PDB file of N, CA and C in Angstrom:
ATOM      1  N   UNK A   1      18.300   0.642 113.207  1.00  0.00           N
ATOM      2  CA  UNK A   1      18.967   2.147 113.306  1.00  0.00           C
ATOM      3  C   UNK A   1      17.862   3.060 113.001  1.00  0.00           C
ATOM      4  N   UNK A   2      17.683   4.025 113.926  1.00  0.00           N
ATOM      5  CA  UNK A   2      17.139   5.197 113.762  1.00  0.00           C
ATOM      6  C   UNK A   2      17.278   6.122 112.756  1.00  0.00           C
ATOM      7  N   UNK A   3      16.296   6.658 112.216  1.00  0.00           N
ATOM      8  CA  UNK A   3      16.485   7.491 110.849  1.00  0.00           C
ATOM      9  C   UNK A   3      17.557   8.580 111.155  1.00  0.00           C
ATOM     10  N   UNK A   4      17.409   9.188 112.313  1.00  0.00           N
ATOM     11  CA  UNK A   4      18.249  10.228 112.614  1.00  0.00           C
ATOM     12  C   UNK A   4      19.832   9.811 112.750  1.00  0.00           C
ATOM     13  N   UNK A   5      19.819   8.575 113.200  1.00  0.00           N
ATOM     14  CA  UNK A   5      21.270   8.079 112.757  1.00  0.00           C
ATOM     15  C   UNK A   5      21.672   7.629 111.615  1.00  0.00           C
ATOM     16  N   UNK A   6      20.754   7.477 110.773  1.00  0.00           N
ATOM     17  CA  UNK A   6      21.062   7.055 109.501  1.00  0.00           C
ATOM     18  C   UNK A   6      21.314   8.177 108.414  1.00  0.00           C
ATOM     19  N   UNK A   7      20.531   9.299 108.967  1.00  0.00           N
ATOM     20  CA  UNK A   7      20.958  10.588 108.232  1.00  0.00           C
ATOM     21  C   UNK A   7      22.355  11.245 108.696  1.00  0.00           C
ATOM     22  N   UNK A   8      22.758  10.972 109.887  1.00  0.00           N
ATOM     23  CA  UNK A   8      23.837  11.680 110.360  1.00  0.00           C
ATOM     24  C   UNK A   8      25.028  10.646 109.720  1.00  0.00           C
ATOM     25  N   UNK A   9      24.611   9.409 109.608  1.00  0.00           N
ATOM     26  CA  UNK A   9      25.994   8.479 108.985  1.00  0.00           C
ATOM     27  C   UNK A   9      26.038   9.026 107.305  1.00  0.00           C
ATOM     28  N   UNK A  10      24.830   9.042 106.691  1.00  0.00           N
ATOM     29  CA  UNK A  10      24.775   9.555 105.427  1.00  0.00           C
ATOM     30  C   UNK A  10      25.578  10.853 105.185  1.00  0.00           C
ATOM     31  N   UNK A  11      25.167  11.800 106.132  1.00  0.00           N
ATOM     32  CA  UNK A  11      25.932  13.188 106.135  1.00  0.00           C
ATOM     33  C   UNK A  11      27.198  13.288 106.295  1.00  0.00           C
ATOM     34  N   UNK A  12      27.749  12.281 107.423  1.00  0.00           N
ATOM     35  CA  UNK A  12      29.389  12.250 107.515  1.00  0.00           C
ATOM     36  C   UNK A  12      29.881  11.779 106.676  1.00  0.00           C
ATOM     37  N   UNK A  13      29.346  10.786 105.566  1.00  0.00           N
ATOM     38  CA  UNK A  13      30.076   9.977 104.462  1.00  0.00           C
ATOM     39  C   UNK A  13      30.416  10.919 103.379  1.00  0.00           C
ATOM     40  N   UNK A  14      29.422  11.928 103.361  1.00  0.00           N
ATOM     41  CA  UNK A  14      29.406  12.912 101.892  1.00  0.00           C
ATOM     42  C   UNK A  14      29.872  14.465 102.290  1.00  0.00           C
ATOM     43  N   UNK A  15      29.722  14.484 103.512  1.00  0.00           N
ATOM     44  CA  UNK A  15      30.483  16.173 103.876  1.00  0.00           C
ATOM     45  C   UNK A  15      31.899  15.915 103.895  1.00  0.00           C
ATOM     46  N   UNK A  16      32.637  17.310 103.513  1.00  0.00           N
ATOM     47  CA  UNK A  16      33.962  17.226 103.372  1.00  0.00           C
ATOM     48  C   UNK A  16      34.596  17.388 104.758  1.00  0.00           C
ATOM     49  N   UNK A  17      35.730  16.621 104.808  1.00  0.00           N
ATOM     50  CA  UNK A  17      36.300  16.790 106.112  1.00  0.00           C
ATOM     51  C   UNK A  17      36.911  18.060 106.525  1.00  0.00           C
ATOM     52  N   UNK A  18      36.925  18.583 107.564  1.00  0.00           N
ATOM     53  CA  UNK A  18      37.673  19.667 107.801  1.00  0.00           C
ATOM     54  C   UNK A  18      38.960  19.706 107.522  1.00  0.00           C
ATOM     55  N   UNK A  19      39.599  20.686 106.965  1.00  0.00           N
ATOM     56  CA  UNK A  19      41.020  20.546 106.766  1.00  0.00           C
ATOM     57  C   UNK A  19      41.904  21.412 107.541  1.00  0.00           C
ATOM     58  N   UNK A  20      42.926  21.270 108.189  1.00  0.00           N
ATOM     59  CA  UNK A  20      43.541  21.878 109.242  1.00  0.00           C
ATOM     60  C   UNK A  20      44.758  23.003 108.394  1.00  0.00           C
ATOM     61  N   UNK A  21      44.663  24.071 108.762  1.00  0.00           N
ATOM     62  CA  UNK A  21      45.532  25.060 108.072  1.00  0.00           C
ATOM     63  C   UNK A  21      46.811  24.977 108.474  1.00  0.00           C
ATOM     64  N   UNK A  22      47.909  24.867 107.444  1.00  0.00           N
ATOM     65  CA  UNK A  22      49.246  24.908 107.824  1.00  0.00           C
ATOM     66  C   UNK A  22      49.689  26.019 108.246  1.00  0.00           C
ATOM     67  N   UNK A  23      50.245  26.196 109.375  1.00  0.00           N
ATOM     68  CA  UNK A  23      51.033  27.506 109.508  1.00  0.00           C
ATOM     69  C   UNK A  23      52.313  27.632 109.247  1.00  0.00           C
ATOM     70  N   UNK A  24      52.745  28.589 108.531  1.00  0.00           N
ATOM     71  CA  UNK A  24      54.176  28.678 108.098  1.00  0.00           C
ATOM     72  C   UNK A  24      54.595  29.709 108.207  1.00  0.00           C
ATOM     73  N   UNK A  25      55.752  30.255 108.776  1.00  0.00           N
ATOM     74  CA  UNK A  25      56.471  31.516 108.881  1.00  0.00           C
ATOM     75  C   UNK A  25      56.718  32.166 107.433  1.00  0.00           C
ATOM     76  N   UNK A  26      56.155  33.286 107.449  1.00  0.00           N
ATOM     77  CA  UNK A  26      56.289  34.196 106.036  1.00  0.00           C
ATOM     78  C   UNK A  26      57.819  34.586 106.218  1.00  0.00           C
ATOM     79  N   UNK A  27      57.960  34.992 104.798  1.00  0.00           N
ATOM     80  CA  UNK A  27      59.521  35.271 104.478  1.00  0.00           C
ATOM     81  C   UNK A  27      59.429  36.772 104.770  1.00  0.00           C
ATOM     82  N   UNK A  28      60.864  37.040 105.149  1.00  0.00           N
ATOM     83  CA  UNK A  28      61.165  38.415 105.363  1.00  0.00           C
ATOM     84  C   UNK A  28      60.657  39.462 104.333  1.00  0.00           C
ATOM     85  N   UNK A  29      60.869  39.089 102.994  1.00  0.00           N
ATOM     86  CA  UNK A  29      60.611  39.948 101.960  1.00  0.00           C
ATOM     87  C   UNK A  29      58.979  40.407 101.882  1.00  0.00           C
ATOM     88  N   UNK A  30      58.259  39.006 101.950  1.00  0.00           N
ATOM     89  CA  UNK A  30      56.827  39.035 101.934  1.00  0.00           C
ATOM     90  C   UNK A  30      56.184  39.934 103.146  1.00  0.00           C
ATOM     91  N   UNK A  31      56.756  40.034 104.280  1.00  0.00           N
ATOM     92  CA  UNK A  31      56.419  40.576 105.369  1.00  0.00           C
ATOM     93  C   UNK A  31      56.689  42.184 105.190  1.00  0.00           C
ATOM     94  N   UNK A  32      57.840  42.449 104.558  1.00  0.00           N
ATOM     95  CA  UNK A  32      58.024  43.974 104.265  1.00  0.00           C
ATOM     96  C   UNK A  32      57.148  44.423 103.384  1.00  0.00           C
ATOM     97  N   UNK A  33      56.771  43.634 102.293  1.00  0.00           N
ATOM     98  CA  UNK A  33      55.789  44.257 101.059  1.00  0.00           C
ATOM     99  C   UNK A  33      54.433  44.507 101.961  1.00  0.00           C
ATOM    100  N   UNK A  34      53.932  43.608 102.870  1.00  0.00           N
ATOM    101  CA  UNK A  34      52.645  43.692 103.502  1.00  0.00           C
ATOM    102  C   UNK A  34      52.720  45.007 104.293  1.00  0.00           C
ATOM    103  N   UNK A  35      53.771  45.271 105.080  1.00  0.00           N
ATOM    104  CA  UNK A  35      53.866  46.193 106.497  1.00  0.00           C
ATOM    105  C   UNK A  35      54.424  47.564 105.932  1.00  0.00           C
ATOM    106  N   UNK A  36      55.093  47.562 104.850  1.00  0.00           N
ATOM    107  CA  UNK A  36      55.720  49.022 104.157  1.00  0.00           C
ATOM    108  C   UNK A  36      54.694  49.833 103.819  1.00  0.00           C
ATOM    109  N   UNK A  37      54.562  51.090 104.493  1.00  0.00           N
ATOM    110  CA  UNK A  37      53.722  52.209 103.933  1.00  0.00           C
ATOM    111  C   UNK A  37      53.969  52.727 102.435  1.00  0.00           C
ATOM    112  N   UNK A  38      55.452  52.954 102.385  1.00  0.00           N
ATOM    113  CA  UNK A  38      55.903  53.426 101.065  1.00  0.00           C
ATOM    114  C   UNK A  38      55.294  52.534  99.937  1.00  0.00           C
ATOM    115  N   UNK A  39      55.219  51.077 100.123  1.00  0.00           N
ATOM    116  CA  UNK A  39      55.094  50.091  99.249  1.00  0.00           C
ATOM    117  C   UNK A  39      53.046  50.113  99.104  1.00  0.00           C
ATOM    118  N   UNK A  40      52.535  50.340  99.981  1.00  0.00           N
ATOM    119  CA  UNK A  40      51.195  50.668 100.035  1.00  0.00           C
ATOM    120  C   UNK A  40      50.496  51.971  99.272  1.00  0.00           C
ATOM    121  N   UNK A  41      51.696  52.953  99.525  1.00  0.00           N
ATOM    122  CA  UNK A  41      51.227  54.314  98.764  1.00  0.00           C
ATOM    123  C   UNK A  41      51.533  53.873  97.050  1.00  0.00           C
ATOM    124  N   UNK A  42      52.702  53.305  96.888  1.00  0.00           N
ATOM    125  CA  UNK A  42      52.967  52.894  95.461  1.00  0.00           C
ATOM    126  C   UNK A  42      52.241  52.147  94.869  1.00  0.00           C
ATOM    127  N   UNK A  43      51.612  51.135  95.223  1.00  0.00           N
ATOM    128  CA  UNK A  43      50.422  50.291  94.684  1.00  0.00           C
ATOM    129  C   UNK A  43      48.959  51.214  94.494  1.00  0.00           C
ATOM    130  N   UNK A  44      48.887  51.882  95.603  1.00  0.00           N
ATOM    131  CA  UNK A  44      47.616  52.819  95.433  1.00  0.00           C
ATOM    132  C   UNK A  44      47.889  53.580  94.342  1.00  0.00           C
ATOM    133  N   UNK A  45      48.847  54.431  94.101  1.00  0.00           N
ATOM    134  CA  UNK A  45      49.349  55.353  93.078  1.00  0.00           C
ATOM    135  C   UNK A  45      48.945  54.731  91.858  1.00  0.00           C
ATOM    136  N   UNK A  46      49.543  53.469  91.716  1.00  0.00           N
ATOM    137  CA  UNK A  46      49.812  52.750  90.605  1.00  0.00           C
ATOM    138  C   UNK A  46      48.648  52.190  89.972  1.00  0.00           C
ATOM    139  N   UNK A  47      47.640  51.934  90.955  1.00  0.00           N
ATOM    140  CA  UNK A  47      46.220  51.503  90.807  1.00  0.00           C
ATOM    141  C   UNK A  47      45.515  52.598  90.088  1.00  0.00           C
ATOM    142  N   UNK A  48      45.504  53.946  90.729  1.00  0.00           N
ATOM    143  CA  UNK A  48      44.623  55.152  90.365  1.00  0.00           C
ATOM    144  C   UNK A  48      45.100  55.353  88.897  1.00  0.00           C
ATOM    145  N   UNK A  49      46.208  55.592  88.683  1.00  0.00           N
ATOM    146  CA  UNK A  49      46.900  55.806  87.496  1.00  0.00           C
ATOM    147  C   UNK A  49      46.586  54.922  86.567  1.00  0.00           C
ATOM    148  N   UNK A  50      46.480  53.601  86.681  1.00  0.00           N
ATOM    149  CA  UNK A  50      45.976  52.593  85.590  1.00  0.00           C
ATOM    150  C   UNK A  50      44.727  52.831  85.490  1.00  0.00           C
ATOM    151  N   UNK A  51      43.909  52.836  86.289  1.00  0.00           N
ATOM    152  CA  UNK A  51      42.655  52.890  86.077  1.00  0.00           C
ATOM    153  C   UNK A  51      42.102  54.162  85.272  1.00  0.00           C
ATOM    154  N   UNK A  52      42.807  55.429  85.704  1.00  0.00           N
ATOM    155  CA  UNK A  52      42.613  56.758  84.599  1.00  0.00           C
ATOM    156  C   UNK A  52      43.261  56.480  83.107  1.00  0.00           C
ATOM    157  N   UNK A  53      44.186  55.689  83.093  1.00  0.00           N
ATOM    158  CA  UNK A  53      44.947  55.524  81.714  1.00  0.00           C
ATOM    159  C   UNK A  53      43.641  54.763  80.953  1.00  0.00           C
ATOM    160  N   UNK A  54      43.295  53.560  81.552  1.00  0.00           N
ATOM    161  CA  UNK A  54      42.460  52.688  80.963  1.00  0.00           C
ATOM    162  C   UNK A  54      40.947  53.376  80.547  1.00  0.00           C
ATOM    163  N   UNK A  55      40.458  54.206  81.276  1.00  0.00           N
ATOM    164  CA  UNK A  55      39.530  55.083  81.299  1.00  0.00           C
ATOM    165  C   UNK A  55      39.381  55.755  79.982  1.00  0.00           C
ATOM    166  N   UNK A  56      40.481  56.465  79.585  1.00  0.00           N
ATOM    167  CA  UNK A  56      40.605  57.555  78.716  1.00  0.00           C
ATOM    168  C   UNK A  56      41.152  56.932  77.396  1.00  0.00           C
ATOM    169  N   UNK A  57      41.838  55.694  77.354  1.00  0.00           N
ATOM    170  CA  UNK A  57      42.517  54.933  76.133  1.00  0.00           C
ATOM    171  C   UNK A  57      41.358  54.802  75.205  1.00  0.00           C
ATOM    172  N   UNK A  58      41.308  55.155  73.898  1.00  0.00           N
ATOM    173  CA  UNK A  58      40.610  54.651  72.838  1.00  0.00           C
ATOM    174  C   UNK A  58      39.329  55.619  72.975  1.00  0.00           C
ATOM    175  N   UNK A  59      38.974  56.535  73.779  1.00  0.00           N
ATOM    176  CA  UNK A  59      37.787  57.127  73.760  1.00  0.00           C
ATOM    177  C   UNK A  59      37.685  58.233  72.640  1.00  0.00           C
ATOM    178  N   UNK A  60      36.794  58.017  71.725  1.00  0.00           N
ATOM    179  CA  UNK A  60      36.445  58.938  70.820  1.00  0.00           C
ATOM    180  C   UNK A  60      35.114  59.599  70.871  1.00  0.00           C
ATOM    181  N   UNK A  61      35.086  60.814  69.980  1.00  0.00           N
ATOM    182  CA  UNK A  61      33.857  61.586  70.173  1.00  0.00           C
ATOM    183  C   UNK A  61      32.815  60.563  69.272  1.00  0.00           C
ATOM    184  N   UNK A  62      31.651  60.574  69.842  1.00  0.00           N
ATOM    185  CA  UNK A  62      30.592  59.748  69.036  1.00  0.00           C
ATOM    186  C   UNK A  62      29.907  60.682  67.877  1.00  0.00           C
ATOM    187  N   UNK A  63      29.931  61.945  68.087  1.00  0.00           N
ATOM    188  CA  UNK A  63      29.386  63.051  67.196  1.00  0.00           C
ATOM    189  C   UNK A  63      30.082  64.261  67.208  1.00  0.00           C
ATOM    190  N   UNK A  64      29.847  64.974  66.199  1.00  0.00           N
ATOM    191  CA  UNK A  64      30.444  66.091  66.218  1.00  0.00           C
ATOM    192  C   UNK A  64      29.987  67.168  67.365  1.00  0.00           C
ATOM    193  N   UNK A  65      30.971  67.955  67.661  1.00  0.00           N
ATOM    194  CA  UNK A  65      30.458  68.921  69.140  1.00  0.00           C
ATOM    195  C   UNK A  65      30.335  70.323  68.059  1.00  0.00           C
ATOM    196  N   UNK A  66      29.128  70.853  68.934  1.00  0.00           N
ATOM    197  CA  UNK A  66      28.970  71.953  68.494  1.00  0.00           C
ATOM    198  C   UNK A  66      29.013  73.031  69.584  1.00  0.00           C
ATOM    199  N   UNK A  67      29.233  74.248  69.254  1.00  0.00           N
ATOM    200  CA  UNK A  67      29.115  75.464  70.243  1.00  0.00           C
ATOM    201  C   UNK A  67      28.240  76.545  69.712  1.00  0.00           C
ATOM    202  N   UNK A  68      27.664  77.059  70.430  1.00  0.00           N
ATOM    203  CA  UNK A  68      26.597  78.383  70.021  1.00  0.00           C
ATOM    204  C   UNK A  68      27.462  79.369  69.593  1.00  0.00           C
ATOM    205  N   UNK A  69      27.249  79.905  68.336  1.00  0.00           N
ATOM    206  CA  UNK A  69      27.783  80.805  67.550  1.00  0.00           C
ATOM    207  C   UNK A  69      29.382  80.316  66.766  1.00  0.00           C
ATOM    208  N   UNK A  70      29.572  79.304  66.799  1.00  0.00           N
ATOM    209  CA  UNK A  70      30.661  78.517  66.348  1.00  0.00           C
ATOM    210  C   UNK A  70      30.376  78.255  64.692  1.00  0.00           C
ATOM    211  N   UNK A  71      31.347  78.920  63.833  1.00  0.00           N
ATOM    212  CA  UNK A  71      31.161  78.512  62.412  1.00  0.00           C
ATOM    213  C   UNK A  71      31.540  76.930  62.218  1.00  0.00           C
ATOM    214  N   UNK A  72      30.961  76.383  61.210  1.00  0.00           N
ATOM    215  CA  UNK A  72      31.185  75.055  60.854  1.00  0.00           C
ATOM    216  C   UNK A  72      32.476  74.899  60.301  1.00  0.00           C
ATOM    217  N   UNK A  73      33.122  73.854  60.705  1.00  0.00           N
ATOM    218  CA  UNK A  73      34.389  73.279  60.208  1.00  0.00           C
ATOM    219  C   UNK A  73      34.441  72.395  58.945  1.00  0.00           C
ATOM    220  N   UNK A  74      33.065  71.675  58.951  1.00  0.00           N
ATOM    221  CA  UNK A  74      32.638  70.870  57.833  1.00  0.00           C
ATOM    222  C   UNK A  74      31.310  71.285  57.270  1.00  0.00           C
ATOM    223  N   UNK A  75      31.173  70.461  55.913  1.00  0.00           N
ATOM    224  CA  UNK A  75      29.819  70.967  55.338  1.00  0.00           C
ATOM    225  C   UNK A  75      29.242  69.685  55.454  1.00  0.00           C
ATOM    226  N   UNK A  76      27.995  69.592  55.808  1.00  0.00           N
ATOM    227  CA  UNK A  76      27.065  68.384  55.533  1.00  0.00           C
ATOM    228  C   UNK A  76      25.897  68.527  54.886  1.00  0.00           C
ATOM    229  N   UNK A  77      25.956  67.807  53.775  1.00  0.00           N
ATOM    230  CA  UNK A  77      24.942  67.860  52.534  1.00  0.00           C
ATOM    231  C   UNK A  77      23.887  66.863  52.639  1.00  0.00           C
ATOM    232  N   UNK A  78      22.640  66.985  52.533  1.00  0.00           N
ATOM    233  CA  UNK A  78      21.654  66.085  52.572  1.00  0.00           C
ATOM    234  C   UNK A  78      21.648  65.455  50.988  1.00  0.00           C
ATOM    235  N   UNK A  79      21.448  64.027  51.026  1.00  0.00           N
ATOM    236  CA  UNK A  79      21.676  63.301  49.752  1.00  0.00           C
ATOM    237  C   UNK A  79      20.214  63.638  48.936  1.00  0.00           C
ATOM    238  N   UNK A  80      19.124  64.001  49.656  1.00  0.00           N
ATOM    239  CA  UNK A  80      18.019  64.080  48.893  1.00  0.00           C
ATOM    240  C   UNK A  80      17.403  65.069  49.044  1.00  0.00           C
ATOM    241  N   UNK A  81      16.368  65.762  48.597  1.00  0.00           N
ATOM    242  CA  UNK A  81      15.764  67.369  48.918  1.00  0.00           C
ATOM    243  C   UNK A  81      14.868  66.741  50.250  1.00  0.00           C
ATOM    244  N   UNK A  82      14.609  67.928  50.974  1.00  0.00           N
ATOM    245  CA  UNK A  82      13.642  67.615  52.041  1.00  0.00           C
ATOM    246  C   UNK A  82      13.044  69.236  52.291  1.00  0.00           C
ATOM    247  N   UNK A  83      11.806  68.926  53.196  1.00  0.00           N
ATOM    248  CA  UNK A  83      11.558  70.299  53.683  1.00  0.00           C
ATOM    249  C   UNK A  83      10.994  70.004  54.887  1.00  0.00           C
ATOM    250  N   UNK A  84      11.054  71.031  55.910  1.00  0.00           N
ATOM    251  CA  UNK A  84      11.045  70.658  57.301  1.00  0.00           C
ATOM    252  C   UNK A  84      10.139  72.312  58.014  1.00  0.00           C
ATOM    253  N   UNK A  85       8.730  71.855  58.302  1.00  0.00           N
ATOM    254  CA  UNK A  85       7.998  73.085  58.714  1.00  0.00           C
ATOM    255  C   UNK A  85       8.272  73.152  60.286  1.00  0.00           C
ATOM    256  N   UNK A  86       8.815  74.238  60.964  1.00  0.00           N
ATOM    257  CA  UNK A  86       9.174  74.335  62.130  1.00  0.00           C
ATOM    258  C   UNK A  86       7.910  74.862  62.888  1.00  0.00           C
ATOM    259  N   UNK A  87       7.481  74.343  64.170  1.00  0.00           N
ATOM    260  CA  UNK A  87       6.288  74.911  64.665  1.00  0.00           C
ATOM    261  C   UNK A  87       6.470  76.085  65.625  1.00  0.00           C
ATOM    262  N   UNK A  88       7.725  75.989  66.115  1.00  0.00           N
ATOM    263  CA  UNK A  88       8.286  77.077  67.086  1.00  0.00           C
ATOM    264  C   UNK A  88       8.597  78.276  66.310  1.00  0.00           C
ATOM    265  N   UNK A  89       9.127  78.206  65.144  1.00  0.00           N
ATOM    266  CA  UNK A  89       9.671  79.405  64.205  1.00  0.00           C
ATOM    267  C   UNK A  89       8.352  80.195  63.602  1.00  0.00           C
ATOM    268  N   UNK A  90       7.163  79.191  63.462  1.00  0.00           N
ATOM    269  CA  UNK A  90       6.143  79.919  62.511  1.00  0.00           C
ATOM    270  C   UNK A  90       5.019  80.243  63.085  1.00  0.00           C
TER     271      UNK A  90
END
């Protein structure tokens, strides 16, 4: 037996057989869900609202928010003495 025929026989033994697709008529309810424009709009709106809600749930500010000219609402005090020489202001 030639090598090419051995390879074909080997390949045929281990390759998966093609399966035939079963055709079944879909139910009226499933057809309505697939073809209804109002259902499509409802699913789209619920998806957008869900993504928006999940995006903003549990989001906290990571640091204090400062605006120019705003008075401090809390006082931050250093635990140790330090000095800082600014190159810009001197």
